[in-house]
Protein backbone atom coordinates (compact mmCIF):
# COMPACT_ATOMS: atom_id res chain seq x y z
CA MET A 1 -30.93 -36.97 -40.17
CA ALA A 2 -29.41 -34.22 -38.00
CA GLN A 3 -30.62 -31.59 -40.48
CA ASN A 4 -34.18 -32.94 -40.30
CA ILE A 5 -34.14 -32.95 -36.50
CA ALA A 6 -32.82 -29.38 -36.45
CA LEU A 7 -35.50 -28.30 -38.93
CA LEU A 8 -38.20 -29.87 -36.76
CA ALA A 9 -36.80 -28.09 -33.70
CA ALA A 10 -36.70 -24.81 -35.64
CA VAL A 11 -40.45 -25.11 -36.16
CA ILE A 12 -41.32 -26.40 -32.67
CA LEU A 13 -39.26 -23.97 -30.56
CA PRO A 14 -41.16 -20.81 -31.57
CA LEU A 15 -44.45 -22.59 -30.80
CA TRP A 16 -43.65 -22.07 -27.10
CA ASN A 17 -44.77 -18.47 -27.66
CA ILE A 18 -48.37 -19.70 -28.01
CA PRO A 19 -48.87 -20.53 -24.30
CA LEU A 20 -47.64 -17.03 -23.44
CA ILE A 21 -50.16 -15.49 -25.85
CA VAL A 22 -52.95 -17.67 -24.40
CA HIS A 23 -51.89 -16.73 -20.85
CA ILE A 24 -52.09 -13.03 -21.66
CA ALA A 25 -55.46 -13.37 -23.42
CA ARG A 26 -57.05 -15.43 -20.62
CA ARG A 27 -55.96 -13.01 -17.91
CA LYS A 28 -56.68 -10.01 -20.14
CA SER A 29 -53.50 -8.45 -18.79
CA SER A 30 -49.83 -8.30 -19.72
CA ARG A 31 -48.83 -6.34 -16.62
CA ASP A 32 -46.37 -9.09 -15.55
CA ILE A 33 -44.45 -8.86 -18.83
CA SER A 34 -41.87 -6.14 -19.26
CA LEU A 35 -42.38 -3.91 -22.29
CA ALA A 36 -38.61 -3.40 -22.45
CA TRP A 37 -38.09 -7.17 -22.60
CA ALA A 38 -40.78 -7.72 -25.26
CA PHE A 39 -39.58 -4.91 -27.52
CA GLY A 40 -35.90 -5.75 -26.87
CA VAL A 41 -36.34 -9.35 -28.01
CA TRP A 42 -38.49 -8.30 -30.96
CA ILE A 43 -35.97 -5.70 -32.15
CA CYS A 44 -33.16 -8.25 -31.93
CA LEU A 45 -35.25 -10.69 -33.99
CA LEU A 46 -35.86 -7.96 -36.58
CA LEU A 47 -32.13 -7.19 -36.75
CA MET A 48 -31.32 -10.89 -37.30
CA ALA A 49 -34.00 -11.35 -39.97
CA PRO A 50 -31.99 -10.06 -42.98
CA SER A 51 -29.26 -12.60 -42.22
CA ALA A 52 -31.81 -15.41 -42.11
CA PHE A 53 -33.62 -14.32 -45.27
CA ALA A 54 -30.32 -14.20 -47.20
CA SER A 55 -29.05 -17.49 -45.79
CA GLU A 56 -29.01 -20.73 -47.73
CA GLU A 57 -29.34 -22.60 -44.40
CA PRO A 58 -32.96 -23.81 -44.20
CA VAL A 59 -32.92 -24.35 -40.42
CA TRP A 60 -31.85 -20.75 -39.74
CA LYS A 61 -34.36 -19.39 -42.26
CA VAL A 62 -37.33 -21.43 -40.97
CA PHE A 63 -36.50 -20.73 -37.32
CA ASN A 64 -36.20 -17.01 -37.92
CA ILE A 65 -39.44 -16.75 -39.89
CA ALA A 66 -41.40 -18.82 -37.36
CA ASN A 67 -39.90 -17.06 -34.34
CA LEU A 68 -40.31 -13.57 -35.76
CA SER A 69 -43.93 -14.28 -36.71
CA LEU A 70 -44.97 -15.76 -33.38
CA PHE A 71 -43.01 -13.33 -31.25
CA SER A 72 -44.58 -10.46 -33.18
CA LEU A 73 -47.92 -11.83 -31.96
CA VAL A 74 -46.55 -11.86 -28.40
CA VAL A 75 -45.60 -8.18 -28.71
CA ILE A 76 -49.01 -7.31 -30.15
CA PHE A 77 -50.78 -9.08 -27.28
CA VAL A 78 -48.50 -7.47 -24.69
CA VAL A 79 -49.33 -4.02 -26.07
CA ILE A 80 -53.07 -4.67 -26.49
CA TYR A 81 -53.50 -6.11 -23.00
CA ARG A 82 -51.34 -3.54 -21.26
CA LYS A 83 -53.39 -1.92 -18.54
CA PRO A 84 -52.27 1.16 -16.66
CA ARG A 85 -51.45 0.76 -12.98
CA LEU A 86 -54.15 2.01 -10.71
CA GLU A 87 -52.71 4.45 -8.23
CA ALA A 88 -54.12 4.24 -4.71
């Protein structure tokens, strides 16, 4: 039972990236999101991925795949909707 709950959470937790993607797309701006933060998190997820792919633990594997996939979309949206600051 605990394994099933953890597996469900491993799928649901990365879905919280979707509201962030929608927020960026609706405003057509990612100015309030730090590029250093977005790329820092994404690089850490990439560095953890080999461990997850090699693991026999399904919760770790599913979480990593889902999180890496959805956070990659966040990074793409942050970069696409990045607008330069207008200097006065």
